[in-house]
N, C-alpha and C. Protein backbone atom coordinates (compact mmCIF):
# COMPACT_ATOMS: atom_id res chain seq x y z
N UNK A 1 133.93 53.20 119.42
CA UNK A 1 133.22 54.18 118.64
C UNK A 1 133.54 55.58 119.16
N UNK A 2 133.87 56.49 118.26
CA UNK A 2 134.15 57.87 118.63
C UNK A 2 132.84 58.61 118.90
N UNK A 3 132.88 59.53 119.86
CA UNK A 3 131.65 60.20 120.29
C UNK A 3 131.90 61.68 120.55
N UNK A 4 130.93 62.51 120.15
CA UNK A 4 130.88 63.92 120.54
C UNK A 4 129.86 64.03 121.66
N UNK A 5 130.30 64.52 122.81
CA UNK A 5 129.43 64.69 123.97
C UNK A 5 128.97 66.15 124.03
N UNK A 6 127.68 66.37 124.21
CA UNK A 6 127.10 67.71 124.18
C UNK A 6 126.33 67.95 125.47
N UNK A 7 126.62 69.06 126.14
CA UNK A 7 125.83 69.50 127.29
C UNK A 7 125.24 70.85 126.94
N UNK A 8 123.96 71.05 127.21
CA UNK A 8 123.28 72.30 126.91
C UNK A 8 123.07 73.09 128.20
N UNK A 9 123.29 74.42 128.11
CA UNK A 9 123.15 75.30 129.27
C UNK A 9 122.25 76.49 128.94
N UNK A 10 121.47 76.91 129.93
CA UNK A 10 120.60 78.07 129.76
C UNK A 10 121.36 79.37 129.99
N UNK A 11 122.50 79.30 130.73
CA UNK A 11 123.28 80.50 131.00
C UNK A 11 124.72 80.12 131.30
N UNK A 12 125.58 81.14 131.31
CA UNK A 12 126.98 80.90 131.65
C UNK A 12 127.17 81.03 133.15
N UNK A 13 128.30 80.51 133.63
CA UNK A 13 128.61 80.59 135.05
C UNK A 13 129.09 81.97 135.43
N UNK A 14 128.95 82.34 136.69
CA UNK A 14 129.40 83.64 137.18
C UNK A 14 130.22 83.44 138.44
N UNK A 15 131.46 83.91 138.38
CA UNK A 15 132.34 83.91 139.54
C UNK A 15 132.99 85.29 139.57
N UNK A 16 132.27 86.28 140.05
CA UNK A 16 132.76 87.65 140.01
C UNK A 16 132.69 88.25 138.62
N UNK A 17 132.10 87.56 137.68
CA UNK A 17 131.97 88.02 136.30
C UNK A 17 131.81 86.80 135.41
N UNK A 18 131.43 87.01 134.16
CA UNK A 18 131.21 85.87 133.25
C UNK A 18 132.50 85.10 132.99
N UNK A 19 132.40 83.81 133.01
CA UNK A 19 133.51 82.93 132.66
C UNK A 19 133.01 81.91 131.64
N UNK A 20 133.89 81.35 130.81
CA UNK A 20 133.42 80.46 129.73
C UNK A 20 133.09 79.05 130.21
N UNK A 21 132.09 78.97 131.08
CA UNK A 21 131.59 77.68 131.54
C UNK A 21 130.07 77.75 131.63
N UNK A 22 129.42 76.61 131.52
CA UNK A 22 127.98 76.58 131.67
C UNK A 22 127.58 76.48 133.12
N UNK A 23 126.48 77.13 133.47
CA UNK A 23 125.96 77.06 134.85
C UNK A 23 125.34 75.67 135.06
N UNK A 24 125.86 74.94 136.01
CA UNK A 24 125.38 73.59 136.30
C UNK A 24 124.09 73.62 137.09
N UNK A 25 123.22 72.66 136.97
CA UNK A 25 123.38 71.50 136.10
C UNK A 25 123.00 71.83 134.66
N UNK A 26 123.52 71.03 133.75
CA UNK A 26 123.14 71.18 132.33
C UNK A 26 121.64 70.94 132.20
N UNK A 27 121.01 71.63 131.26
CA UNK A 27 119.57 71.42 131.06
C UNK A 27 119.30 70.09 130.37
N UNK A 28 120.24 69.64 129.56
CA UNK A 28 120.13 68.33 128.91
C UNK A 28 121.50 67.92 128.39
N UNK A 29 121.67 66.65 128.13
CA UNK A 29 122.90 66.14 127.52
C UNK A 29 122.52 65.23 126.36
N UNK A 30 123.41 65.13 125.40
CA UNK A 30 123.21 64.21 124.29
C UNK A 30 124.56 63.82 123.72
N UNK A 31 124.59 62.78 122.92
CA UNK A 31 125.81 62.35 122.25
C UNK A 31 125.52 62.14 120.77
N UNK A 32 126.57 62.29 119.96
CA UNK A 32 126.48 62.02 118.53
C UNK A 32 127.68 61.17 118.17
N UNK A 33 127.46 60.07 117.46
CA UNK A 33 128.57 59.24 117.00
C UNK A 33 129.33 59.95 115.90
N UNK A 34 130.65 59.89 115.99
CA UNK A 34 131.51 60.53 114.99
C UNK A 34 131.90 59.47 113.97
N UNK A 35 131.57 59.72 112.70
CA UNK A 35 131.84 58.74 111.64
C UNK A 35 132.27 59.47 110.37
N UNK A 36 132.42 58.72 109.29
CA UNK A 36 132.88 59.28 108.01
C UNK A 36 131.84 60.18 107.35
N UNK A 37 130.57 60.04 107.72
CA UNK A 37 129.52 60.90 107.19
C UNK A 37 129.06 61.88 108.25
N UNK A 38 128.61 63.05 107.84
CA UNK A 38 128.13 64.07 108.77
C UNK A 38 126.89 63.57 109.50
N UNK A 39 126.87 63.74 110.84
CA UNK A 39 125.73 63.33 111.65
C UNK A 39 125.32 64.51 112.52
N UNK A 40 124.01 64.74 112.67
CA UNK A 40 123.48 65.87 113.43
C UNK A 40 123.02 65.46 114.82
N UNK A 41 123.13 66.41 115.75
CA UNK A 41 122.53 66.25 117.07
C UNK A 41 121.04 66.47 116.96
N UNK A 42 120.35 66.28 118.07
CA UNK A 42 118.96 66.72 118.16
C UNK A 42 118.97 68.24 118.28
N UNK A 43 117.83 68.87 118.01
CA UNK A 43 117.73 70.32 118.15
C UNK A 43 117.94 70.72 119.60
N UNK A 44 118.64 71.83 119.83
CA UNK A 44 118.87 72.32 121.18
C UNK A 44 117.55 72.78 121.78
N UNK A 45 117.44 72.65 123.09
CA UNK A 45 116.21 72.98 123.80
C UNK A 45 115.86 74.46 123.75
N UNK A 46 114.64 74.81 124.13
CA UNK A 46 114.16 76.19 124.04
C UNK A 46 114.89 77.17 124.95
N UNK A 47 115.53 76.69 126.01
CA UNK A 47 116.26 77.60 126.90
C UNK A 47 117.78 77.56 126.68
N UNK A 48 118.23 76.75 125.75
CA UNK A 48 119.68 76.59 125.53
C UNK A 48 120.29 77.84 124.90
N UNK A 49 121.35 78.34 125.54
CA UNK A 49 122.08 79.50 125.04
C UNK A 49 123.57 79.20 124.86
N UNK A 50 124.02 78.08 125.47
CA UNK A 50 125.43 77.71 125.42
C UNK A 50 125.53 76.19 125.41
N UNK A 51 126.51 75.66 124.68
CA UNK A 51 126.76 74.23 124.71
C UNK A 51 128.23 73.97 125.03
N UNK A 52 128.47 72.85 125.66
CA UNK A 52 129.81 72.34 125.91
C UNK A 52 129.98 71.13 125.01
N UNK A 53 130.99 71.16 124.15
CA UNK A 53 131.31 70.03 123.29
C UNK A 53 132.57 69.37 123.81
N UNK A 54 132.56 68.05 123.91
CA UNK A 54 133.77 67.30 124.25
C UNK A 54 133.86 66.14 123.28
N UNK A 55 135.04 65.96 122.67
CA UNK A 55 135.22 64.88 121.72
C UNK A 55 136.32 63.94 122.18
N UNK A 56 136.14 62.66 121.92
CA UNK A 56 137.20 61.70 122.24
C UNK A 56 137.99 61.30 120.99
N UNK A 57 137.71 61.98 119.86
CA UNK A 57 138.42 61.71 118.61
C UNK A 57 138.54 63.01 117.82
N UNK A 58 139.46 63.07 116.89
CA UNK A 58 139.59 64.24 116.02
C UNK A 58 138.33 64.34 115.17
N UNK A 59 137.74 65.54 115.11
CA UNK A 59 136.51 65.71 114.35
C UNK A 59 136.38 67.16 113.86
N UNK A 60 135.45 67.37 112.96
CA UNK A 60 135.05 68.71 112.54
C UNK A 60 133.57 68.86 112.84
N UNK A 61 133.12 70.11 113.05
CA UNK A 61 131.73 70.34 113.41
C UNK A 61 131.22 71.62 112.77
N UNK A 62 129.89 71.74 112.78
CA UNK A 62 129.23 72.95 112.26
C UNK A 62 127.89 73.10 112.93
N UNK A 63 127.53 74.34 113.28
CA UNK A 63 126.25 74.64 113.90
C UNK A 63 125.28 75.20 112.85
N UNK A 64 123.97 75.07 113.10
CA UNK A 64 122.96 75.67 112.24
C UNK A 64 121.62 74.96 112.40
N UNK A 65 120.65 75.36 111.58
CA UNK A 65 119.32 74.74 111.65
C UNK A 65 119.32 73.37 110.97
N UNK A 66 120.15 73.19 109.97
CA UNK A 66 120.30 71.91 109.27
C UNK A 66 121.76 71.79 108.83
N UNK A 67 122.70 71.72 109.79
CA UNK A 67 124.12 71.80 109.45
C UNK A 67 124.69 70.51 108.85
N UNK A 68 125.72 70.68 108.04
CA UNK A 68 126.49 69.56 107.52
C UNK A 68 127.95 69.84 107.81
N UNK A 69 128.58 68.97 108.56
CA UNK A 69 130.00 69.11 108.87
C UNK A 69 130.81 68.51 107.73
N UNK A 70 131.99 69.06 107.50
CA UNK A 70 132.90 68.54 106.49
C UNK A 70 134.33 68.69 107.00
N UNK A 71 135.27 68.15 106.26
CA UNK A 71 136.68 68.23 106.66
C UNK A 71 137.19 69.66 106.69
N UNK A 72 136.45 70.61 106.08
CA UNK A 72 136.90 72.00 106.05
C UNK A 72 136.19 72.89 107.06
N UNK A 73 135.24 72.33 107.84
CA UNK A 73 134.59 73.14 108.89
C UNK A 73 135.45 73.08 110.16
N UNK A 74 135.05 73.81 111.19
CA UNK A 74 135.84 73.91 112.42
C UNK A 74 136.27 72.54 112.92
N UNK A 75 137.50 72.45 113.41
CA UNK A 75 138.09 71.17 113.82
C UNK A 75 138.38 71.15 115.31
N UNK A 76 138.18 70.00 115.93
CA UNK A 76 138.56 69.78 117.33
C UNK A 76 139.56 68.64 117.39
N UNK A 77 140.58 68.79 118.23
CA UNK A 77 141.53 67.71 118.47
C UNK A 77 140.89 66.68 119.40
N UNK A 78 141.42 65.48 119.39
CA UNK A 78 140.91 64.43 120.28
C UNK A 78 141.07 64.84 121.73
N UNK A 79 140.10 64.47 122.54
CA UNK A 79 140.11 64.71 123.99
C UNK A 79 140.18 66.19 124.35
N UNK A 80 139.43 67.01 123.63
CA UNK A 80 139.35 68.44 123.92
C UNK A 80 137.91 68.85 124.19
N UNK A 81 137.76 70.02 124.83
CA UNK A 81 136.45 70.56 125.19
C UNK A 81 136.37 72.01 124.73
N UNK A 82 135.23 72.39 124.18
CA UNK A 82 134.98 73.78 123.76
C UNK A 82 133.58 74.18 124.21
N UNK A 83 133.42 75.48 124.46
CA UNK A 83 132.11 76.07 124.79
C UNK A 83 131.70 77.00 123.65
N UNK A 84 130.42 77.00 123.30
CA UNK A 84 129.92 77.85 122.22
C UNK A 84 128.57 78.43 122.59
N UNK A 85 128.36 79.70 122.26
CA UNK A 85 127.04 80.30 122.36
C UNK A 85 126.23 79.83 121.17
N UNK A 86 124.98 79.44 121.39
CA UNK A 86 124.13 78.90 120.33
C UNK A 86 122.71 79.46 120.43
N UNK A 87 121.91 79.16 119.44
CA UNK A 87 120.50 79.54 119.44
C UNK A 87 119.65 78.31 119.73
N UNK A 88 118.60 78.50 120.48
CA UNK A 88 117.64 77.42 120.73
C UNK A 88 117.13 76.90 119.39
N UNK A 89 116.98 75.61 119.26
CA UNK A 89 116.46 75.01 118.04
C UNK A 89 117.53 74.64 117.03
N UNK A 90 118.72 75.21 117.15
CA UNK A 90 119.81 74.83 116.25
C UNK A 90 120.33 73.46 116.62
N UNK A 91 121.22 72.94 115.78
CA UNK A 91 121.84 71.63 115.98
C UNK A 91 123.34 71.78 115.73
N UNK A 92 124.10 70.74 116.08
CA UNK A 92 125.50 70.67 115.70
C UNK A 92 125.68 69.38 114.91
N UNK A 93 126.43 69.48 113.82
CA UNK A 93 126.76 68.31 113.02
C UNK A 93 128.24 68.01 113.21
N UNK A 94 128.60 66.73 113.13
CA UNK A 94 129.98 66.32 113.37
C UNK A 94 130.39 65.25 112.36
N UNK A 95 131.69 65.25 112.02
CA UNK A 95 132.25 64.26 111.09
C UNK A 95 133.68 64.00 111.50
N UNK A 96 134.19 62.81 111.22
CA UNK A 96 135.57 62.49 111.54
C UNK A 96 136.53 63.34 110.70
N UNK A 97 137.71 63.56 111.22
CA UNK A 97 138.72 64.34 110.51
C UNK A 97 140.08 63.80 110.93
N UNK A 98 141.13 64.30 110.30
CA UNK A 98 142.50 63.88 110.65
C UNK A 98 143.32 65.05 111.11
């Protein structure tokens, strides 16, 4: 089963200045199964300002309060990781892509 792994962070890391990583430890982690239909994560926590997404399969994703991912939304290649600034309470939706 393909999976989108999500780590939530309250702040970014600092090594002489801001760098695109979350300050460990993550405040929470969650996973979403990647399938042919759009699936949403749980809402991000009240202190979440950044998320780390890692996918083990090609997928597309979308952020928002009630997001729906489609083949035309942002795409991630298999086995890649991305960081995104987000708002507390938002979610990420994911769907399989080619």
